Amino acid sequence: QAIADGIVEKASGAGRKPVGVEGYTAGRWILVDLSD
């Protein structure tokens, strides 16, 4: 979860908010969709 949070935070800070984030609650496999 912390890795996913860090990625979302950095990408958002650079103007690239995720299209979607899946699997966060379970924390076993989190998919962060940044489009490309």
PDB file of all heavy atoms in Angstrom:
ATOM      1  N   GLN A   1       0.831  -1.212   0.000  1.00  0.00           N
ATOM      2  CA  GLN A   1       0.000   0.000   0.000  1.00  0.00           C
ATOM      3  C   GLN A   1       0.864   1.261   0.000  1.00  0.00           C
ATOM      4  O   GLN A   1       0.572   2.225  -0.709  1.00  0.00           O
ATOM      5  CB  GLN A   1      -0.947   0.006   1.203  1.00  0.00           C
ATOM      6  CG  GLN A   1      -2.031  -1.054   1.104  1.00  0.00           C
ATOM      7  CD  GLN A   1      -2.800  -1.234   2.402  1.00  0.00           C
ATOM      8  OE1 GLN A   1      -2.279  -0.997   3.494  1.00  0.00           O
ATOM      9  NE2 GLN A   1      -4.048  -1.658   2.286  1.00  0.00           N
ATOM     10  N   ALA A   2       1.935   1.254   0.792  1.00  0.00           N
ATOM     11  CA  ALA A   2       2.818   2.425   0.868  1.00  0.00           C
ATOM     12  C   ALA A   2       3.495   2.690  -0.476  1.00  0.00           C
ATOM     13  O   ALA A   2       3.639   3.849  -0.893  1.00  0.00           O
ATOM     14  CB  ALA A   2       3.867   2.223   1.963  1.00  0.00           C
ATOM     15  N   ILE A   3       3.898   1.635  -1.164  1.00  0.00           N
ATOM     16  CA  ILE A   3       4.507   1.789  -2.491  1.00  0.00           C
ATOM     17  C   ILE A   3       3.490   2.413  -3.450  1.00  0.00           C
ATOM     18  O   ILE A   3       3.802   3.373  -4.163  1.00  0.00           O
ATOM     19  CB  ILE A   3       5.019   0.429  -3.023  1.00  0.00           C
ATOM     20  CG1 ILE A   3       6.186  -0.072  -2.163  1.00  0.00           C
ATOM     21  CG2 ILE A   3       5.433   0.541  -4.495  1.00  0.00           C
ATOM     22  CD1 ILE A   3       6.535  -1.546  -2.368  1.00  0.00           C
ATOM     23  N   ALA A   4       2.264   1.872  -3.443  1.00  0.00           N
ATOM     24  CA  ALA A   4       1.212   2.419  -4.315  1.00  0.00           C
ATOM     25  C   ALA A   4       0.927   3.877  -3.966  1.00  0.00           C
ATOM     26  O   ALA A   4       0.800   4.726  -4.857  1.00  0.00           O
ATOM     27  CB  ALA A   4      -0.053   1.578  -4.205  1.00  0.00           C
ATOM     28  N   ASP A   5       0.857   4.190  -2.672  1.00  0.00           N
ATOM     29  CA  ASP A   5       0.632   5.571  -2.229  1.00  0.00           C
ATOM     30  C   ASP A   5       1.727   6.495  -2.757  1.00  0.00           C
ATOM     31  O   ASP A   5       1.447   7.598  -3.241  1.00  0.00           O
ATOM     32  CB  ASP A   5       0.621   5.668  -0.693  1.00  0.00           C
ATOM     33  CG  ASP A   5      -0.643   5.090  -0.068  1.00  0.00           C
ATOM     34  OD1 ASP A   5      -1.659   4.930  -0.778  1.00  0.00           O
ATOM     35  OD2 ASP A   5      -0.607   4.807   1.146  1.00  0.00           O
ATOM     36  N   GLY A   6       2.969   6.058  -2.631  1.00  0.00           N
ATOM     37  CA  GLY A   6       4.099   6.874  -3.091  1.00  0.00           C
ATOM     38  C   GLY A   6       4.040   7.146  -4.580  1.00  0.00           C
ATOM     39  O   GLY A   6       4.323   8.261  -5.037  1.00  0.00           O
ATOM     40  N   ILE A   7       3.652   6.121  -5.332  1.00  0.00           N
ATOM     41  CA  ILE A   7       3.545   6.268  -6.792  1.00  0.00           C
ATOM     42  C   ILE A   7       2.420   7.235  -7.143  1.00  0.00           C
ATOM     43  O   ILE A   7       2.600   8.137  -7.966  1.00  0.00           O
ATOM     44  CB  ILE A   7       3.343   4.883  -7.440  1.00  0.00           C
ATOM     45  CG1 ILE A   7       4.636   4.071  -7.332  1.00  0.00           C
ATOM     46  CG2 ILE A   7       2.878   5.020  -8.892  1.00  0.00           C
ATOM     47  CD1 ILE A   7       4.490   2.601  -7.617  1.00  0.00           C
ATOM     48  N   VAL A   8       1.258   7.056  -6.524  1.00  0.00           N
ATOM     49  CA  VAL A   8       0.114   7.936  -6.792  1.00  0.00           C
ATOM     50  C   VAL A   8       0.460   9.379  -6.426  1.00  0.00           C
ATOM     51  O   VAL A   8       0.171  10.313  -7.187  1.00  0.00           O
ATOM     52  CB  VAL A   8      -1.147   7.456  -6.031  1.00  0.00           C
ATOM     53  CG1 VAL A   8      -2.241   8.503  -6.066  1.00  0.00           C
ATOM     54  CG2 VAL A   8      -1.644   6.132  -6.612  1.00  0.00           C
ATOM     55  N   GLU A   9       1.112   9.543  -5.277  1.00  0.00           N
ATOM     56  CA  GLU A   9       1.477  10.887  -4.809  1.00  0.00           C
ATOM     57  C   GLU A   9       2.430  11.579  -5.781  1.00  0.00           C
ATOM     58  O   GLU A   9       2.222  12.720  -6.169  1.00  0.00           O
ATOM     59  CB  GLU A   9       2.133  10.739  -3.438  1.00  0.00           C
ATOM     60  CG  GLU A   9       2.315  12.017  -2.662  1.00  0.00           C
ATOM     61  CD  GLU A   9       2.891  11.730  -1.280  1.00  0.00           C
ATOM     62  OE1 GLU A   9       2.252  10.984  -0.507  1.00  0.00           O
ATOM     63  OE2 GLU A   9       3.996  12.231  -1.009  1.00  0.00           O
ATOM     64  N   LYS A  10       3.474  10.860  -6.204  1.00  0.00           N
ATOM     65  CA  LYS A  10       4.466  11.455  -7.111  1.00  0.00           C
ATOM     66  C   LYS A  10       3.867  11.737  -8.484  1.00  0.00           C
ATOM     67  O   LYS A  10       4.122  12.782  -9.079  1.00  0.00           O
ATOM     68  CB  LYS A  10       5.671  10.538  -7.256  1.00  0.00           C
ATOM     69  CG  LYS A  10       6.878  11.098  -6.560  1.00  0.00           C
ATOM     70  CD  LYS A  10       8.155  10.423  -6.949  1.00  0.00           C
ATOM     71  CE  LYS A  10       9.265  11.225  -6.311  1.00  0.00           C
ATOM     72  NZ  LYS A  10      10.388  10.482  -5.897  1.00  0.00           N
ATOM     73  N   ALA A  11       3.091  10.790  -8.999  1.00  0.00           N
ATOM     74  CA  ALA A  11       2.481  10.972 -10.323  1.00  0.00           C
ATOM     75  C   ALA A  11       1.492  12.135 -10.289  1.00  0.00           C
ATOM     76  O   ALA A  11       1.485  12.984 -11.189  1.00  0.00           O
ATOM     77  CB  ALA A  11       1.798   9.686 -10.772  1.00  0.00           C
ATOM     78  N   SER A  12       0.670  12.192  -9.244  1.00  0.00           N
ATOM     79  CA  SER A  12      -0.305  13.277  -9.108  1.00  0.00           C
ATOM     80  C   SER A  12       0.405  14.620  -9.008  1.00  0.00           C
ATOM     81  O   SER A  12      -0.031  15.609  -9.601  1.00  0.00           O
ATOM     82  CB  SER A  12      -1.201  13.062  -7.888  1.00  0.00           C
ATOM     83  OG  SER A  12      -1.968  11.878  -8.042  1.00  0.00           O
ATOM     84  N   GLY A  13       1.507  14.655  -8.270  1.00  0.00           N
ATOM     85  CA  GLY A  13       2.295  15.876  -8.126  1.00  0.00           C
ATOM     86  C   GLY A  13       2.868  16.354  -9.445  1.00  0.00           C
ATOM     87  O   GLY A  13       3.124  17.542  -9.632  1.00  0.00           O
ATOM     88  N   ALA A  14       3.049  15.414 -10.364  1.00  0.00           N
ATOM     89  CA  ALA A  14       3.569  15.750 -11.697  1.00  0.00           C
ATOM     90  C   ALA A  14       2.430  15.955 -12.693  1.00  0.00           C
ATOM     91  O   ALA A  14       2.653  16.017 -13.903  1.00  0.00           O
ATOM     92  CB  ALA A  14       4.504  14.649 -12.175  1.00  0.00           C
ATOM     93  N   GLY A  15       1.192  16.009 -12.178  1.00  0.00           N
ATOM     94  CA  GLY A  15       0.051  16.266 -13.053  1.00  0.00           C
ATOM     95  C   GLY A  15      -0.559  15.036 -13.691  1.00  0.00           C
ATOM     96  O   GLY A  15      -1.353  15.134 -14.612  1.00  0.00           O
ATOM     97  N   ARG A  16      -0.203  13.841 -13.211  1.00  0.00           N
ATOM     98  CA  ARG A  16      -0.746  12.597 -13.778  1.00  0.00           C
ATOM     99  C   ARG A  16      -1.511  11.825 -12.716  1.00  0.00           C
ATOM    100  O   ARG A  16      -0.993  10.897 -12.113  1.00  0.00           O
ATOM    101  CB  ARG A  16       0.383  11.743 -14.347  1.00  0.00           C
ATOM    102  CG  ARG A  16       1.066  12.325 -15.558  1.00  0.00           C
ATOM    103  CD  ARG A  16       0.151  12.414 -16.786  1.00  0.00           C
ATOM    104  NE  ARG A  16      -0.252  11.113 -17.263  1.00  0.00           N
ATOM    105  CZ  ARG A  16       0.424  10.425 -18.176  1.00  0.00           C
ATOM    106  NH1 ARG A  16       1.509  10.911 -18.707  1.00  0.00           N
ATOM    107  NH2 ARG A  16      -0.015   9.249 -18.558  1.00  0.00           N
ATOM    108  N   LYS A  17      -2.751  12.224 -12.496  1.00  0.00           N
ATOM    109  CA  LYS A  17      -3.596  11.496 -11.536  1.00  0.00           C
ATOM    110  C   LYS A  17      -3.957  10.142 -12.151  1.00  0.00           C
ATOM    111  O   LYS A  17      -4.179  10.041 -13.349  1.00  0.00           O
ATOM    112  CB  LYS A  17      -4.868  12.290 -11.253  1.00  0.00           C
ATOM    113  CG  LYS A  17      -4.621  13.532 -10.402  1.00  0.00           C
ATOM    114  CD  LYS A  17      -5.888  13.904  -9.668  1.00  0.00           C
ATOM    115  CE  LYS A  17      -5.770  15.174  -8.858  1.00  0.00           C
ATOM    116  NZ  LYS A  17      -4.574  15.322  -8.075  1.00  0.00           N
ATOM    117  N   PRO A  18      -4.027   9.100 -11.324  1.00  0.00           N
ATOM    118  CA  PRO A  18      -4.371   7.774 -11.859  1.00  0.00           C
ATOM    119  C   PRO A  18      -5.775   7.741 -12.462  1.00  0.00           C
ATOM    120  O   PRO A  18      -6.682   8.399 -11.949  1.00  0.00           O
ATOM    121  CB  PRO A  18      -4.307   6.851 -10.654  1.00  0.00           C
ATOM    122  CG  PRO A  18      -3.642   7.608  -9.578  1.00  0.00           C
ATOM    123  CD  PRO A  18      -3.754   9.059  -9.896  1.00  0.00           C
ATOM    124  N   VAL A  19      -5.919   6.965 -13.526  1.00  0.00           N
ATOM    125  CA  VAL A  19      -7.230   6.688 -14.108  1.00  0.00           C
ATOM    126  C   VAL A  19      -8.008   5.812 -13.136  1.00  0.00           C
ATOM    127  O   VAL A  19      -9.221   5.910 -13.012  1.00  0.00           O
ATOM    128  CB  VAL A  19      -7.084   5.962 -15.470  1.00  0.00           C
ATOM    129  CG1 VAL A  19      -8.439   5.622 -16.064  1.00  0.00           C
ATOM    130  CG2 VAL A  19      -6.264   6.807 -16.435  1.00  0.00           C
ATOM    131  N   GLY A  20      -7.276   4.948 -12.429  1.00  0.00           N
ATOM    132  CA  GLY A  20      -7.901   4.064 -11.452  1.00  0.00           C
ATOM    133  C   GLY A  20      -6.866   3.370 -10.597  1.00  0.00           C
ATOM    134  O   GLY A  20      -5.705   3.254 -10.984  1.00  0.00           O
ATOM    135  N   VAL A  21      -7.299   2.947  -9.410  1.00  0.00           N
ATOM    136  CA  VAL A  21      -6.460   2.155  -8.510  1.00  0.00           C
ATOM    137  C   VAL A  21      -7.328   0.996  -8.041  1.00  0.00           C
ATOM    138  O   VAL A  21      -8.435   1.206  -7.558  1.00  0.00           O
ATOM    139  CB  VAL A  21      -5.985   2.987  -7.290  1.00  0.00           C
ATOM    140  CG1 VAL A  21      -5.201   2.108  -6.318  1.00  0.00           C
ATOM    141  CG2 VAL A  21      -5.147   4.173  -7.740  1.00  0.00           C
ATOM    142  N   GLU A  22      -6.835  -0.219  -8.216  1.00  0.00           N
ATOM    143  CA  GLU A  22      -7.608  -1.400  -7.825  1.00  0.00           C
ATOM    144  C   GLU A  22      -6.811  -2.252  -6.848  1.00  0.00           C
ATOM    145  O   GLU A  22      -5.590  -2.322  -6.939  1.00  0.00           O
ATOM    146  CB  GLU A  22      -7.950  -2.240  -9.056  1.00  0.00           C
ATOM    147  CG  GLU A  22      -8.862  -1.511 -10.027  1.00  0.00           C
ATOM    148  CD  GLU A  22      -9.097  -2.319 -11.299  1.00  0.00           C
ATOM    149  OE1 GLU A  22      -9.088  -3.570 -11.230  1.00  0.00           O
ATOM    150  OE2 GLU A  22      -9.275  -1.689 -12.346  1.00  0.00           O
ATOM    151  N   GLY A  23      -7.510  -2.894  -5.918  1.00  0.00           N
ATOM    152  CA  GLY A  23      -6.889  -3.842  -4.997  1.00  0.00           C
ATOM    153  C   GLY A  23      -6.252  -3.212  -3.778  1.00  0.00           C
ATOM    154  O   GLY A  23      -5.571  -3.895  -3.014  1.00  0.00           O
ATOM    155  N   TYR A  24      -6.467  -1.914  -3.579  1.00  0.00           N
ATOM    156  CA  TYR A  24      -5.773  -1.204  -2.498  1.00  0.00           C
ATOM    157  C   TYR A  24      -6.115  -1.754  -1.116  1.00  0.00           C
ATOM    158  O   TYR A  24      -5.220  -1.965  -0.298  1.00  0.00           O
ATOM    159  CB  TYR A  24      -6.077   0.297  -2.565  1.00  0.00           C
ATOM    160  CG  TYR A  24      -5.268   1.079  -1.557  1.00  0.00           C
ATOM    161  CD1 TYR A  24      -3.996   1.521  -1.873  1.00  0.00           C
ATOM    162  CD2 TYR A  24      -5.757   1.327  -0.278  1.00  0.00           C
ATOM    163  CE1 TYR A  24      -3.225   2.209  -0.948  1.00  0.00           C
ATOM    164  CE2 TYR A  24      -4.993   2.013   0.660  1.00  0.00           C
ATOM    165  CZ  TYR A  24      -3.733   2.452   0.326  1.00  0.00           C
ATOM    166  OH  TYR A  24      -2.975   3.110   1.244  1.00  0.00           O
ATOM    167  N   THR A  25      -7.391  -1.982  -0.854  1.00  0.00           N
ATOM    168  CA  THR A  25      -7.822  -2.389   0.483  1.00  0.00           C
ATOM    169  C   THR A  25      -7.160  -3.692   0.929  1.00  0.00           C
ATOM    170  O   THR A  25      -6.664  -3.791   2.049  1.00  0.00           O
ATOM    171  CB  THR A  25      -9.359  -2.520   0.543  1.00  0.00           C
ATOM    172  OG1 THR A  25      -9.914  -1.289   0.085  1.00  0.00           O
ATOM    173  CG2 THR A  25      -9.835  -2.780   1.952  1.00  0.00           C
ATOM    174  N   ALA A  26      -7.108  -4.668   0.032  1.00  0.00           N
ATOM    175  CA  ALA A  26      -6.501  -5.960   0.378  1.00  0.00           C
ATOM    176  C   ALA A  26      -4.977  -5.837   0.468  1.00  0.00           C
ATOM    177  O   ALA A  26      -4.341  -6.509   1.279  1.00  0.00           O
ATOM    178  CB  ALA A  26      -6.886  -7.018  -0.645  1.00  0.00           C
ATOM    179  N   GLY A  27      -4.378  -5.000  -0.381  1.00  0.00           N
ATOM    180  CA  GLY A  27      -2.937  -4.783  -0.327  1.00  0.00           C
ATOM    181  C   GLY A  27      -2.099  -5.958  -0.776  1.00  0.00           C
ATOM    182  O   GLY A  27      -0.931  -6.056  -0.419  1.00  0.00           O
ATOM    183  N   ARG A  28      -2.681  -6.856  -1.563  1.00  0.00           N
ATOM    184  CA  ARG A  28      -1.936  -8.030  -2.030  1.00  0.00           C
ATOM    185  C   ARG A  28      -1.449  -7.840  -3.466  1.00  0.00           C
ATOM    186  O   ARG A  28      -0.374  -8.303  -3.830  1.00  0.00           O
ATOM    187  CB  ARG A  28      -2.796  -9.282  -1.907  1.00  0.00           C
ATOM    188  CG  ARG A  28      -3.208  -9.544  -0.450  1.00  0.00           C
ATOM    189  CD  ARG A  28      -3.996 -10.805  -0.277  1.00  0.00           C
ATOM    190  NE  ARG A  28      -3.212 -11.991  -0.616  1.00  0.00           N
ATOM    191  CZ  ARG A  28      -2.262 -12.515   0.160  1.00  0.00           C
ATOM    192  NH1 ARG A  28      -1.972 -11.966   1.309  1.00  0.00           N
ATOM    193  NH2 ARG A  28      -1.618 -13.578  -0.227  1.00  0.00           N
ATOM    194  N   TRP A  29      -2.278  -7.186  -4.274  1.00  0.00           N
ATOM    195  CA  TRP A  29      -1.918  -6.842  -5.648  1.00  0.00           C
ATOM    196  C   TRP A  29      -2.643  -5.539  -5.942  1.00  0.00           C
ATOM    197  O   TRP A  29      -3.861  -5.507  -6.040  1.00  0.00           O
ATOM    198  CB  TRP A  29      -2.339  -7.927  -6.626  1.00  0.00           C
ATOM    199  CG  TRP A  29      -2.187  -7.577  -8.076  1.00  0.00           C
ATOM    200  CD1 TRP A  29      -1.539  -6.495  -8.628  1.00  0.00           C
ATOM    201  CD2 TRP A  29      -2.683  -8.323  -9.197  1.00  0.00           C
ATOM    202  NE1 TRP A  29      -1.610  -6.538  -9.993  1.00  0.00           N
ATOM    203  CE2 TRP A  29      -2.295  -7.644 -10.371  1.00  0.00           C
ATOM    204  CE3 TRP A  29      -3.411  -9.491  -9.304  1.00  0.00           C
ATOM    205  CZ2 TRP A  29      -2.616  -8.106 -11.648  1.00  0.00           C
ATOM    206  CZ3 TRP A  29      -3.732  -9.943 -10.574  1.00  0.00           C
ATOM    207  CH2 TRP A  29      -3.333  -9.267 -11.731  1.00  0.00           C
ATOM    208  N   ILE A  30      -1.901  -4.455  -6.000  1.00  0.00           N
ATOM    209  CA  ILE A  30      -2.505  -3.159  -6.292  1.00  0.00           C
ATOM    210  C   ILE A  30      -2.122  -2.757  -7.702  1.00  0.00           C
ATOM    211  O   ILE A  30      -0.946  -2.781  -8.070  1.00  0.00           O
ATOM    212  CB  ILE A  30      -2.049  -2.077  -5.284  1.00  0.00           C
ATOM    213  CG1 ILE A  30      -2.447  -2.483  -3.858  1.00  0.00           C
ATOM    214  CG2 ILE A  30      -2.665  -0.710  -5.653  1.00  0.00           C
ATOM    215  CD1 ILE A  30      -1.956  -1.525  -2.779  1.00  0.00           C
ATOM    216  N   LEU A  31      -3.127  -2.413  -8.481  1.00  0.00           N
ATOM    217  CA  LEU A  31      -2.921  -1.940  -9.842  1.00  0.00           C
ATOM    218  C   LEU A  31      -3.161  -0.432  -9.842  1.00  0.00           C
ATOM    219  O   LEU A  31      -4.212   0.024  -9.394  1.00  0.00           O
ATOM    220  CB  LEU A  31      -3.895  -2.648 -10.788  1.00  0.00           C
ATOM    221  CG  LEU A  31      -3.758  -2.328 -12.268  1.00  0.00           C
ATOM    222  CD1 LEU A  31      -4.139  -3.541 -13.097  1.00  0.00           C
ATOM    223  CD2 LEU A  31      -4.603  -1.142 -12.681  1.00  0.00           C
ATOM    224  N   VAL A  32      -2.174   0.315 -10.319  1.00  0.00           N
ATOM    225  CA  VAL A  32      -2.302   1.767 -10.456  1.00  0.00           C
ATOM    226  C   VAL A  32      -2.263   2.066 -11.951  1.00  0.00           C
ATOM    227  O   VAL A  32      -1.236   1.852 -12.605  1.00  0.00           O
ATOM    228  CB  VAL A  32      -1.164   2.528  -9.731  1.00  0.00           C
ATOM    229  CG1 VAL A  32      -1.332   4.033  -9.907  1.00  0.00           C
ATOM    230  CG2 VAL A  32      -1.125   2.159  -8.254  1.00  0.00           C
ATOM    231  N   ASP A  33      -3.392   2.515 -12.492  1.00  0.00           N
ATOM    232  CA  ASP A  33      -3.512   2.782 -13.924  1.00  0.00           C
ATOM    233  C   ASP A  33      -3.226   4.254 -14.197  1.00  0.00           C
ATOM    234  O   ASP A  33      -4.026   5.128 -13.867  1.00  0.00           O
ATOM    235  CB  ASP A  33      -4.916   2.404 -14.399  1.00  0.00           C
ATOM    236  CG  ASP A  33      -5.093   2.541 -15.900  1.00  0.00           C
ATOM    237  OD1 ASP A  33      -4.209   3.115 -16.571  1.00  0.00           O
ATOM    238  OD2 ASP A  33      -6.137   2.075 -16.403  1.00  0.00           O
ATOM    239  N   LEU A  34      -2.066   4.506 -14.792  1.00  0.00           N
ATOM    240  CA  LEU A  34      -1.679   5.866 -15.173  1.00  0.00           C
ATOM    241  C   LEU A  34      -1.782   6.031 -16.692  1.00  0.00           C
ATOM    242  O   LEU A  34      -1.050   6.796 -17.298  1.00  0.00           O
ATOM    243  CB  LEU A  34      -0.258   6.164 -14.683  1.00  0.00           C
ATOM    244  CG  LEU A  34      -0.073   6.147 -13.168  1.00  0.00           C
ATOM    245  CD1 LEU A  34       1.398   6.095 -12.782  1.00  0.00           C
ATOM    246  CD2 LEU A  34      -0.750   7.353 -12.537  1.00  0.00           C
ATOM    247  N   SER A  35      -2.672   5.258 -17.300  1.00  0.00           N
ATOM    248  CA  SER A  35      -2.945   5.279 -18.729  1.00  0.00           C
ATOM    249  C   SER A  35      -1.806   4.651 -19.532  1.00  0.00           C
ATOM    250  O   SER A  35      -1.840   3.462 -19.778  1.00  0.00           O
ATOM    251  CB  SER A  35      -3.265   6.702 -19.205  1.00  0.00           C
ATOM    252  OG  SER A  35      -3.797   6.652 -20.493  1.00  0.00           O
ATOM    253  N   ASP A  36      -0.791   5.410 -19.927  1.00  0.00           N
ATOM    254  CA  ASP A  36       0.278   4.819 -20.735  1.00  0.00           C
ATOM    255  C   ASP A  36       1.300   4.043 -19.902  1.00  0.00           C
ATOM    256  O   ASP A  36       2.136   3.336 -20.447  1.00  0.00           O
ATOM    257  CB  ASP A  36       0.968   5.852 -21.636  1.00  0.00           C
ATOM    258  CG  ASP A  36       1.323   7.146 -20.917  1.00  0.00           C
ATOM    259  OD1 ASP A  36       0.813   7.377 -19.814  1.00  0.00           O
ATOM    260  OD2 ASP A  36       2.101   7.930 -21.487  1.00  0.00           O
TER     261      ASP A  36
END
